[in-house]
Every structure is written in C-alpha cells, then in structure tokens.
Amino acid sequence: MCQLATDTPLTGSDYQDLHRDAPPLFPELAAETPSFQLAVNFPLVDVTEDNGPFETTYGTHLMMKEEGLRKLEVGEIELKRLMMKTGDLMIRDVRAIHRGTPNKTDVPRPMCVIGYSRRWLFRPEVSIRIPRKTWENLSEQARQLLRFNPRVESLDEIDTSEVYQAFAY
C-alpha cells in the first residue's frame, strides 16, 4: 500500500486534463508492461452526473498514452462516465487514461483512493509517511501492508503542500 488519499471536487471545479497516474516503466520500448500499480477507489457519497463522476477508458492501460489519446479522438475508444453508490468499489490500473469532472453541486464529492504498487516499485511522490509511534502501535497485518513506506519522527516535519500535478502523466 503506497497511497491513502481522497479526490474531492468542490463547487466550481473543472474537468481535469485526460491523464494517467503513472508513466510507463520502460518508455523506450514503446509498449506497455503488465500491471505494476493499482488504485482502489470508493466514494463516501453517491456519485451522480451532477457531483463530478469519474471518466475513464477501457484498455488504454495496455497501450502507450499517445495511442490511447489518438483512439479517443477518432472515436475508436469511448470515455465512460462512472456513477457509483456509496459502498461501491472500483479497482483500476493507474495507467488507464481518465479524468475527474466538474462538481455542479454545493456539496463536496469525496472519493477515497488506496494505491498499491509492486514491492519493487517506489515512487517517492506517492507514499505514506508513518510516524514511528504510530508504526509501533500497528497490527502485524497493517505493518505488512505499509512496510515499504517511510517512517518519520513526526508529521510536523513533512511538507504538506499539494503536489497533485506530479501524478498526472
């Protein structure tokens, strides 16, 4: 487990650019690899047409981004809007081309994201910093899930400024 976050569009939000959440592992090959990073998403409220549904594509995780965008442009691939109910779960390859959409309501629409990576992949911009005192109180199962994340003395020493743009590829 390498990420715990929420994507929460607010009133006045706009369409995100179409993007992937990770670059290809070997861009010089001009071919995609099997999955190496997954995201588990679940909404804390019902996702409707008005409050900012997730738009995604099917199959673009297995093609280079440029090919996926070209196929979208010519209509060979369709952008799907996903409506979800509270309690629904979506598991996706982070390389699928997708975007968030505007929230046209006055109520925030939180979508939880839990990211999982292969044990050999470490992306420092996507990690969970765990205070040592918290680590000491975790169950063995929680420690196993979080074992590759950095431990810190205190969360006060962490720069918490938003760097989301680093996740769009």
N, C-alpha and C. Protein backbone atom coordinates (compact mmCIF):
# COMPACT_ATOMS: atom_id res chain seq x y z
N MET A 1 0.86 -1.17 0.00
CA MET A 1 0.00 0.00 0.00
C MET A 1 0.91 1.23 0.00
N CYS A 2 0.72 2.10 -0.99
CA CYS A 2 1.61 3.25 -1.12
C CYS A 2 0.88 4.59 -1.13
N GLN A 3 -0.44 4.56 -1.08
CA GLN A 3 -1.17 5.83 -1.13
C GLN A 3 -2.49 5.71 -0.38
N LEU A 4 -2.79 6.76 0.40
CA LEU A 4 -4.10 6.95 1.02
C LEU A 4 -4.46 8.39 0.74
N ALA A 5 -5.56 8.60 0.03
CA ALA A 5 -5.92 9.96 -0.36
C ALA A 5 -7.41 10.05 -0.63
N THR A 6 -7.87 11.26 -0.89
CA THR A 6 -9.20 11.46 -1.44
C THR A 6 -9.10 12.41 -2.60
N ASP A 7 -9.91 12.18 -3.60
CA ASP A 7 -10.13 13.14 -4.69
C ASP A 7 -11.50 13.74 -4.39
N THR A 8 -11.53 15.04 -4.17
CA THR A 8 -12.76 15.67 -3.70
C THR A 8 -13.06 16.93 -4.50
N PRO A 9 -13.77 16.80 -5.63
CA PRO A 9 -14.13 18.00 -6.38
C PRO A 9 -15.16 18.83 -5.60
N LEU A 10 -14.94 20.14 -5.62
CA LEU A 10 -15.82 21.08 -4.94
C LEU A 10 -16.59 21.89 -5.97
N THR A 11 -17.55 22.67 -5.50
CA THR A 11 -18.26 23.59 -6.38
C THR A 11 -17.26 24.45 -7.12
N GLY A 12 -17.44 24.60 -8.42
CA GLY A 12 -16.53 25.41 -9.22
C GLY A 12 -15.38 24.62 -9.82
N SER A 13 -15.27 23.32 -9.50
CA SER A 13 -14.21 22.52 -10.09
C SER A 13 -14.44 22.40 -11.59
N ASP A 14 -13.42 21.98 -12.30
CA ASP A 14 -13.48 21.89 -13.76
C ASP A 14 -13.05 20.49 -14.18
N TYR A 15 -13.10 20.22 -15.47
CA TYR A 15 -12.59 18.95 -15.99
C TYR A 15 -11.08 18.89 -15.79
N GLN A 16 -10.59 17.77 -15.32
CA GLN A 16 -9.15 17.54 -15.34
C GLN A 16 -8.74 17.27 -16.78
N ASP A 17 -7.48 17.49 -17.09
CA ASP A 17 -6.96 17.04 -18.37
C ASP A 17 -6.98 15.52 -18.37
N LEU A 18 -7.18 14.92 -19.53
CA LEU A 18 -7.06 13.47 -19.64
C LEU A 18 -5.63 13.10 -19.27
N HIS A 19 -5.48 12.10 -18.42
CA HIS A 19 -4.15 11.75 -17.95
C HIS A 19 -4.10 10.31 -17.45
N ARG A 20 -2.88 9.89 -17.13
CA ARG A 20 -2.62 8.64 -16.43
C ARG A 20 -1.99 9.02 -15.10
N ASP A 21 -2.04 8.12 -14.13
CA ASP A 21 -1.46 8.41 -12.82
C ASP A 21 -0.03 7.89 -12.68
N ALA A 22 0.51 7.28 -13.72
CA ALA A 22 1.89 6.79 -13.68
C ALA A 22 2.43 6.77 -15.10
N PRO A 23 3.72 7.03 -15.24
CA PRO A 23 4.34 6.92 -16.56
C PRO A 23 4.60 5.46 -16.89
N PRO A 24 4.90 5.14 -18.16
CA PRO A 24 5.28 3.76 -18.48
C PRO A 24 6.59 3.41 -17.78
N LEU A 25 6.77 2.15 -17.44
CA LEU A 25 8.01 1.73 -16.80
C LEU A 25 9.20 1.83 -17.75
N PHE A 26 8.99 1.46 -19.00
CA PHE A 26 10.07 1.46 -19.98
C PHE A 26 9.62 2.19 -21.24
N PRO A 27 9.60 3.53 -21.22
CA PRO A 27 9.08 4.28 -22.37
C PRO A 27 9.86 4.02 -23.66
N GLU A 28 11.11 3.63 -23.54
CA GLU A 28 11.92 3.36 -24.73
C GLU A 28 11.45 2.14 -25.51
N LEU A 29 10.65 1.29 -24.90
CA LEU A 29 10.15 0.09 -25.58
C LEU A 29 8.93 0.38 -26.45
N ALA A 30 8.26 1.48 -26.21
CA ALA A 30 7.03 1.83 -26.93
C ALA A 30 5.98 0.74 -26.83
N ALA A 31 5.96 0.06 -25.68
CA ALA A 31 4.95 -0.97 -25.40
C ALA A 31 4.73 -0.99 -23.90
N GLU A 32 3.52 -1.30 -23.49
CA GLU A 32 3.22 -1.33 -22.06
C GLU A 32 3.54 -2.70 -21.46
N THR A 33 3.73 -2.68 -20.17
CA THR A 33 4.05 -3.88 -19.39
C THR A 33 2.78 -4.36 -18.68
N PRO A 34 2.84 -5.53 -18.07
CA PRO A 34 1.73 -5.92 -17.19
C PRO A 34 1.56 -4.90 -16.06
N SER A 35 0.45 -4.98 -15.37
CA SER A 35 0.15 -4.03 -14.29
C SER A 35 1.23 -4.04 -13.22
N PHE A 36 1.58 -2.83 -12.75
CA PHE A 36 2.53 -2.70 -11.66
C PHE A 36 2.01 -1.82 -10.54
N GLN A 37 0.89 -1.14 -10.81
CA GLN A 37 0.31 -0.27 -9.78
C GLN A 37 -1.19 -0.20 -10.00
N LEU A 38 -1.94 -0.43 -8.93
CA LEU A 38 -3.40 -0.38 -8.98
C LEU A 38 -3.92 0.66 -7.99
N ALA A 39 -5.09 1.18 -8.30
CA ALA A 39 -5.79 2.07 -7.38
C ALA A 39 -7.13 1.45 -7.05
N VAL A 40 -7.50 1.53 -5.79
CA VAL A 40 -8.82 1.11 -5.33
C VAL A 40 -9.55 2.40 -4.95
N ASN A 41 -10.67 2.65 -5.60
CA ASN A 41 -11.45 3.85 -5.34
C ASN A 41 -12.81 3.46 -4.76
N PHE A 42 -13.27 4.25 -3.78
CA PHE A 42 -14.63 4.08 -3.28
C PHE A 42 -15.15 5.43 -2.81
N PRO A 43 -16.38 5.77 -3.21
CA PRO A 43 -16.94 7.07 -2.84
C PRO A 43 -17.54 7.05 -1.44
N LEU A 44 -17.50 8.22 -0.80
CA LEU A 44 -18.14 8.37 0.51
C LEU A 44 -19.55 8.92 0.40
N VAL A 45 -19.95 9.28 -0.83
CA VAL A 45 -21.32 9.70 -1.15
C VAL A 45 -21.67 9.10 -2.50
N ASP A 46 -22.94 9.05 -2.85
CA ASP A 46 -23.31 8.59 -4.18
C ASP A 46 -22.72 9.53 -5.22
N VAL A 47 -22.16 8.96 -6.29
CA VAL A 47 -21.59 9.75 -7.38
C VAL A 47 -22.66 9.86 -8.46
N THR A 48 -23.02 11.10 -8.78
CA THR A 48 -24.08 11.36 -9.75
C THR A 48 -23.53 12.17 -10.92
N GLU A 49 -24.35 12.36 -11.91
CA GLU A 49 -23.97 13.19 -13.05
C GLU A 49 -23.62 14.61 -12.60
N ASP A 50 -24.25 15.08 -11.54
CA ASP A 50 -24.06 16.47 -11.10
C ASP A 50 -22.86 16.70 -10.20
N ASN A 51 -22.42 15.70 -9.45
CA ASN A 51 -21.37 15.98 -8.46
C ASN A 51 -19.97 15.52 -8.85
N GLY A 52 -19.74 15.28 -10.13
CA GLY A 52 -18.38 15.03 -10.59
C GLY A 52 -18.00 13.58 -10.77
N PRO A 53 -18.66 12.86 -11.70
CA PRO A 53 -18.28 11.45 -11.91
C PRO A 53 -16.89 11.31 -12.51
N PHE A 54 -16.30 10.18 -12.28
CA PHE A 54 -15.00 9.78 -12.82
C PHE A 54 -15.23 9.37 -14.28
N GLU A 55 -14.39 9.84 -15.18
CA GLU A 55 -14.44 9.40 -16.58
C GLU A 55 -13.18 8.60 -16.87
N THR A 56 -13.37 7.45 -17.50
CA THR A 56 -12.23 6.57 -17.77
C THR A 56 -12.40 5.85 -19.10
N THR A 57 -11.37 5.16 -19.48
CA THR A 57 -11.34 4.39 -20.72
C THR A 57 -11.06 2.94 -20.38
N TYR A 58 -11.46 2.07 -21.25
CA TYR A 58 -11.15 0.65 -21.06
C TYR A 58 -10.06 0.26 -22.05
N GLY A 59 -9.01 -0.38 -21.54
CA GLY A 59 -7.96 -0.92 -22.40
C GLY A 59 -6.78 0.00 -22.64
N THR A 60 -6.88 1.28 -22.26
CA THR A 60 -5.76 2.19 -22.56
C THR A 60 -4.55 1.95 -21.67
N HIS A 61 -4.71 1.19 -20.60
CA HIS A 61 -3.55 0.87 -19.76
C HIS A 61 -2.57 -0.06 -20.48
N LEU A 62 -3.04 -0.70 -21.53
CA LEU A 62 -2.19 -1.63 -22.28
C LEU A 62 -1.61 -1.02 -23.56
N MET A 63 -1.82 0.27 -23.76
CA MET A 63 -1.25 0.95 -24.93
C MET A 63 -0.53 2.21 -24.48
N MET A 64 0.36 2.68 -25.29
CA MET A 64 1.05 3.93 -24.96
C MET A 64 0.03 5.06 -24.93
N LYS A 65 0.28 6.06 -24.10
CA LYS A 65 -0.67 7.14 -23.89
C LYS A 65 -1.07 7.82 -25.20
N GLU A 66 -0.10 8.09 -26.07
CA GLU A 66 -0.38 8.78 -27.33
C GLU A 66 -1.36 7.98 -28.19
N GLU A 67 -1.19 6.66 -28.22
CA GLU A 67 -2.11 5.81 -28.98
C GLU A 67 -3.51 5.85 -28.38
N GLY A 68 -3.60 5.79 -27.06
CA GLY A 68 -4.90 5.86 -26.39
C GLY A 68 -5.61 7.18 -26.66
N LEU A 69 -4.87 8.29 -26.58
CA LEU A 69 -5.47 9.60 -26.86
C LEU A 69 -5.92 9.71 -28.32
N ARG A 70 -5.13 9.17 -29.23
CA ARG A 70 -5.50 9.21 -30.65
C ARG A 70 -6.78 8.40 -30.89
N LYS A 71 -6.87 7.22 -30.29
CA LYS A 71 -8.06 6.39 -30.45
C LYS A 71 -9.29 7.05 -29.83
N LEU A 72 -9.11 7.76 -28.74
CA LEU A 72 -10.21 8.53 -28.16
C LEU A 72 -10.67 9.62 -29.14
N GLU A 73 -9.71 10.32 -29.71
CA GLU A 73 -10.02 11.42 -30.61
C GLU A 73 -10.79 10.98 -31.85
N VAL A 74 -10.45 9.81 -32.38
CA VAL A 74 -11.13 9.35 -33.60
C VAL A 74 -12.35 8.47 -33.30
N GLY A 75 -12.65 8.26 -32.02
CA GLY A 75 -13.85 7.52 -31.65
C GLY A 75 -13.70 6.02 -31.59
N GLU A 76 -12.47 5.50 -31.67
CA GLU A 76 -12.26 4.06 -31.55
C GLU A 76 -12.40 3.59 -30.10
N ILE A 77 -12.17 4.51 -29.18
CA ILE A 77 -12.32 4.24 -27.74
C ILE A 77 -13.27 5.29 -27.19
N GLU A 78 -14.09 4.84 -26.25
CA GLU A 78 -15.09 5.72 -25.66
C GLU A 78 -14.68 6.10 -24.24
N LEU A 79 -14.97 7.33 -23.86
CA LEU A 79 -14.77 7.80 -22.49
C LEU A 79 -16.04 7.44 -21.72
N LYS A 80 -15.91 6.66 -20.66
CA LYS A 80 -17.05 6.19 -19.88
C LYS A 80 -17.18 7.00 -18.59
N ARG A 81 -18.39 7.45 -18.29
CA ARG A 81 -18.68 8.15 -17.02
C ARG A 81 -19.17 7.11 -16.03
N LEU A 82 -18.53 7.06 -14.87
CA LEU A 82 -18.89 6.06 -13.87
C LEU A 82 -19.67 6.68 -12.72
N MET A 83 -20.93 6.28 -12.61
CA MET A 83 -21.75 6.65 -11.47
C MET A 83 -21.56 5.53 -10.44
N MET A 84 -21.41 5.91 -9.18
CA MET A 84 -21.18 4.91 -8.14
C MET A 84 -22.06 5.22 -6.94
N LYS A 85 -22.42 4.21 -6.23
CA LYS A 85 -23.17 4.35 -4.99
C LYS A 85 -22.19 4.27 -3.82
N THR A 86 -22.55 4.88 -2.71
CA THR A 86 -21.75 4.74 -1.50
C THR A 86 -21.60 3.25 -1.23
N GLY A 87 -20.38 2.80 -1.02
CA GLY A 87 -20.12 1.38 -0.79
C GLY A 87 -19.64 0.64 -2.01
N ASP A 88 -19.80 1.23 -3.22
CA ASP A 88 -19.25 0.61 -4.43
C ASP A 88 -17.73 0.70 -4.38
N LEU A 89 -17.08 -0.16 -5.16
CA LEU A 89 -15.62 -0.22 -5.19
C LEU A 89 -15.17 -0.33 -6.63
N MET A 90 -14.15 0.40 -6.99
CA MET A 90 -13.56 0.32 -8.32
C MET A 90 -12.08 0.00 -8.16
N ILE A 91 -11.60 -1.00 -8.88
CA ILE A 91 -10.17 -1.32 -8.91
C ILE A 91 -9.70 -1.05 -10.32
N ARG A 92 -8.64 -0.22 -10.45
CA ARG A 92 -8.21 0.19 -11.78
C ARG A 92 -6.70 0.22 -11.88
N ASP A 93 -6.21 -0.01 -13.07
CA ASP A 93 -4.80 0.17 -13.39
C ASP A 93 -4.59 1.68 -13.51
N VAL A 94 -3.59 2.22 -12.84
CA VAL A 94 -3.40 3.67 -12.81
C VAL A 94 -2.96 4.24 -14.16
N ARG A 95 -2.62 3.37 -15.12
CA ARG A 95 -2.21 3.85 -16.44
C ARG A 95 -3.39 4.07 -17.38
N ALA A 96 -4.59 3.66 -17.00
CA ALA A 96 -5.76 3.92 -17.86
C ALA A 96 -5.97 5.42 -17.98
N ILE A 97 -6.23 5.90 -19.17
CA ILE A 97 -6.47 7.32 -19.39
C ILE A 97 -7.82 7.68 -18.76
N HIS A 98 -7.83 8.75 -17.95
CA HIS A 98 -9.03 9.12 -17.21
C HIS A 98 -8.98 10.60 -16.84
N ARG A 99 -10.07 11.06 -16.20
CA ARG A 99 -10.11 12.43 -15.67
C ARG A 99 -11.27 12.57 -14.70
N GLY A 100 -11.16 13.57 -13.86
CA GLY A 100 -12.26 13.98 -13.00
C GLY A 100 -13.11 15.00 -13.73
N THR A 101 -14.36 15.12 -13.32
CA THR A 101 -15.29 16.05 -13.98
C THR A 101 -15.80 17.06 -12.96
N PRO A 102 -16.41 18.16 -13.42
CA PRO A 102 -16.85 19.22 -12.51
C PRO A 102 -17.95 18.76 -11.54
N ASN A 103 -17.87 19.30 -10.34
CA ASN A 103 -18.94 19.13 -9.36
C ASN A 103 -19.84 20.36 -9.49
N LYS A 104 -21.07 20.14 -9.93
CA LYS A 104 -22.01 21.25 -10.14
C LYS A 104 -22.94 21.45 -8.95
N THR A 105 -22.64 20.79 -7.83
CA THR A 105 -23.47 20.93 -6.63
C THR A 105 -22.73 21.76 -5.58
N ASP A 106 -23.40 22.04 -4.48
CA ASP A 106 -22.77 22.78 -3.38
C ASP A 106 -22.18 21.84 -2.32
N VAL A 107 -22.18 20.54 -2.60
CA VAL A 107 -21.71 19.54 -1.64
C VAL A 107 -20.44 18.86 -2.18
N PRO A 108 -19.36 18.82 -1.41
CA PRO A 108 -18.15 18.12 -1.86
C PRO A 108 -18.44 16.66 -2.18
N ARG A 109 -17.70 16.10 -3.13
CA ARG A 109 -17.86 14.69 -3.51
C ARG A 109 -16.54 13.93 -3.26
N PRO A 110 -16.34 13.41 -2.03
CA PRO A 110 -15.09 12.71 -1.73
C PRO A 110 -15.06 11.29 -2.29
N MET A 111 -13.95 10.98 -2.96
CA MET A 111 -13.67 9.63 -3.47
C MET A 111 -12.35 9.19 -2.85
N CYS A 112 -12.39 8.13 -2.04
CA CYS A 112 -11.17 7.62 -1.41
C CYS A 112 -10.34 6.86 -2.44
N VAL A 113 -9.04 6.96 -2.28
CA VAL A 113 -8.10 6.27 -3.17
C VAL A 113 -7.08 5.55 -2.30
N ILE A 114 -6.95 4.25 -2.49
CA ILE A 114 -5.88 3.48 -1.86
C ILE A 114 -5.04 2.93 -3.00
N GLY A 115 -3.76 3.28 -3.02
CA GLY A 115 -2.88 2.84 -4.08
C GLY A 115 -2.02 1.66 -3.63
N TYR A 116 -1.82 0.72 -4.54
CA TYR A 116 -0.98 -0.44 -4.29
C TYR A 116 0.04 -0.55 -5.41
N SER A 117 1.30 -0.79 -5.05
CA SER A 117 2.38 -0.97 -6.02
C SER A 117 3.04 -2.31 -5.82
N ARG A 118 3.66 -2.79 -6.89
CA ARG A 118 4.53 -3.96 -6.76
C ARG A 118 5.63 -3.60 -5.76
N ARG A 119 6.10 -4.57 -5.03
CA ARG A 119 7.06 -4.27 -3.96
C ARG A 119 8.35 -3.64 -4.47
N TRP A 120 8.72 -3.87 -5.72
CA TRP A 120 9.97 -3.33 -6.26
C TRP A 120 9.83 -1.91 -6.81
N LEU A 121 8.62 -1.37 -6.81
CA LEU A 121 8.42 -0.03 -7.35
C LEU A 121 8.25 0.97 -6.22
N PHE A 122 9.12 1.94 -6.18
CA PHE A 122 8.98 3.00 -5.18
C PHE A 122 8.95 4.33 -5.91
N ARG A 123 7.86 5.06 -5.76
CA ARG A 123 7.73 6.41 -6.31
C ARG A 123 7.62 7.35 -5.12
N PRO A 124 8.66 8.11 -4.83
CA PRO A 124 8.64 8.94 -3.61
C PRO A 124 7.50 9.94 -3.56
N GLU A 125 6.96 10.34 -4.71
CA GLU A 125 5.85 11.30 -4.69
C GLU A 125 4.54 10.64 -4.30
N VAL A 126 4.52 9.32 -4.25
CA VAL A 126 3.33 8.58 -3.83
C VAL A 126 3.73 7.66 -2.68
N SER A 127 3.62 8.16 -1.48
CA SER A 127 3.96 7.31 -0.33
C SER A 127 3.20 7.82 0.90
N ILE A 128 3.18 6.97 1.89
CA ILE A 128 2.51 7.29 3.15
C ILE A 128 3.61 7.43 4.20
N ARG A 129 3.74 8.59 4.76
CA ARG A 129 4.73 8.81 5.81
C ARG A 129 4.11 8.46 7.15
N ILE A 130 4.75 7.53 7.85
CA ILE A 130 4.17 6.98 9.08
C ILE A 130 5.00 7.39 10.28
N PRO A 131 4.41 8.10 11.22
CA PRO A 131 5.15 8.44 12.44
C PRO A 131 5.58 7.15 13.17
N ARG A 132 6.79 7.14 13.70
CA ARG A 132 7.32 5.94 14.38
C ARG A 132 6.41 5.46 15.51
N LYS A 133 5.84 6.37 16.28
CA LYS A 133 4.94 5.95 17.37
C LYS A 133 3.70 5.26 16.82
N THR A 134 3.21 5.73 15.67
CA THR A 134 2.06 5.08 15.04
C THR A 134 2.46 3.69 14.57
N TRP A 135 3.63 3.58 13.93
CA TRP A 135 4.14 2.29 13.44
C TRP A 135 4.20 1.26 14.56
N GLU A 136 4.68 1.68 15.71
CA GLU A 136 4.82 0.77 16.85
C GLU A 136 3.47 0.23 17.32
N ASN A 137 2.39 0.94 17.06
CA ASN A 137 1.06 0.51 17.50
C ASN A 137 0.24 -0.18 16.42
N LEU A 138 0.80 -0.36 15.24
CA LEU A 138 0.06 -1.02 14.15
C LEU A 138 0.05 -2.53 14.34
N SER A 139 -1.00 -3.15 13.83
CA SER A 139 -1.07 -4.62 13.83
C SER A 139 -0.03 -5.16 12.84
N GLU A 140 0.26 -6.43 12.95
CA GLU A 140 1.21 -7.05 12.01
C GLU A 140 0.69 -6.96 10.57
N GLN A 141 -0.63 -7.11 10.39
CA GLN A 141 -1.19 -7.02 9.05
C GLN A 141 -1.01 -5.60 8.49
N ALA A 142 -1.25 -4.59 9.29
CA ALA A 142 -1.06 -3.21 8.84
C ALA A 142 0.41 -2.94 8.53
N ARG A 143 1.31 -3.44 9.35
CA ARG A 143 2.74 -3.27 9.09
C ARG A 143 3.14 -3.94 7.78
N GLN A 144 2.58 -5.10 7.52
CA GLN A 144 2.89 -5.81 6.26
C GLN A 144 2.45 -4.96 5.06
N LEU A 145 1.24 -4.40 5.13
CA LEU A 145 0.74 -3.58 4.02
C LEU A 145 1.56 -2.31 3.81
N LEU A 146 2.05 -1.75 4.89
CA LEU A 146 2.73 -0.45 4.85
C LEU A 146 4.25 -0.55 4.91
N ARG A 147 4.81 -1.75 4.80
CA ARG A 147 6.22 -1.99 5.10
C ARG A 147 7.21 -1.19 4.25
N PHE A 148 6.85 -0.79 3.06
CA PHE A 148 7.80 -0.09 2.20
C PHE A 148 7.67 1.44 2.27
N ASN A 149 6.83 1.93 3.14
CA ASN A 149 6.64 3.38 3.28
C ASN A 149 7.62 3.95 4.30
N PRO A 150 8.01 5.21 4.09
CA PRO A 150 8.97 5.82 5.02
C PRO A 150 8.36 6.10 6.39
N ARG A 151 9.18 5.91 7.43
CA ARG A 151 8.78 6.27 8.77
C ARG A 151 9.46 7.57 9.14
N VAL A 152 8.72 8.41 9.84
CA VAL A 152 9.22 9.73 10.23
C VAL A 152 9.04 9.89 11.73
N GLU A 153 9.78 10.81 12.30
CA GLU A 153 9.63 11.07 13.73
C GLU A 153 8.29 11.74 14.03
N SER A 154 7.89 12.67 13.14
CA SER A 154 6.67 13.43 13.38
C SER A 154 6.11 13.91 12.04
N LEU A 155 4.80 14.01 11.95
CA LEU A 155 4.18 14.56 10.75
C LEU A 155 4.43 16.06 10.63
N ASP A 156 4.84 16.68 11.71
CA ASP A 156 5.14 18.12 11.67
C ASP A 156 6.32 18.44 10.76
N GLU A 157 7.20 17.47 10.54
CA GLU A 157 8.38 17.71 9.71
C GLU A 157 8.12 17.53 8.21
N ILE A 158 6.88 17.21 7.86
CA ILE A 158 6.55 16.91 6.46
C ILE A 158 5.97 18.14 5.77
N ASP A 159 6.43 18.39 4.55
CA ASP A 159 5.84 19.44 3.72
C ASP A 159 4.51 18.91 3.20
N THR A 160 3.41 19.52 3.62
CA THR A 160 2.08 19.03 3.24
C THR A 160 1.47 19.83 2.09
N SER A 161 2.27 20.63 1.41
CA SER A 161 1.72 21.38 0.29
C SER A 161 1.27 20.42 -0.81
N GLU A 162 0.23 20.79 -1.51
CA GLU A 162 -0.37 19.96 -2.55
C GLU A 162 0.58 19.86 -3.74
N VAL A 163 0.84 18.63 -4.18
CA VAL A 163 1.70 18.40 -5.33
C VAL A 163 1.03 17.45 -6.33
N TYR A 164 -0.30 17.49 -6.38
CA TYR A 164 -1.04 16.54 -7.21
C TYR A 164 -0.59 16.54 -8.66
N GLN A 165 -0.19 17.69 -9.19
CA GLN A 165 0.18 17.74 -10.59
C GLN A 165 1.30 16.74 -10.91
N ALA A 166 2.06 16.31 -9.93
CA ALA A 166 3.12 15.34 -10.17
C ALA A 166 2.55 13.96 -10.50
N PHE A 167 1.26 13.73 -10.25
CA PHE A 167 0.67 12.42 -10.51
C PHE A 167 0.08 12.28 -11.90
N ALA A 168 0.01 13.33 -12.66
CA ALA A 168 -0.62 13.28 -13.99
C ALA A 168 0.46 13.09 -15.05
N TYR A 169 0.33 12.01 -15.82
CA TYR A 169 1.31 11.71 -16.86
C TYR A 169 0.63 11.55 -18.20
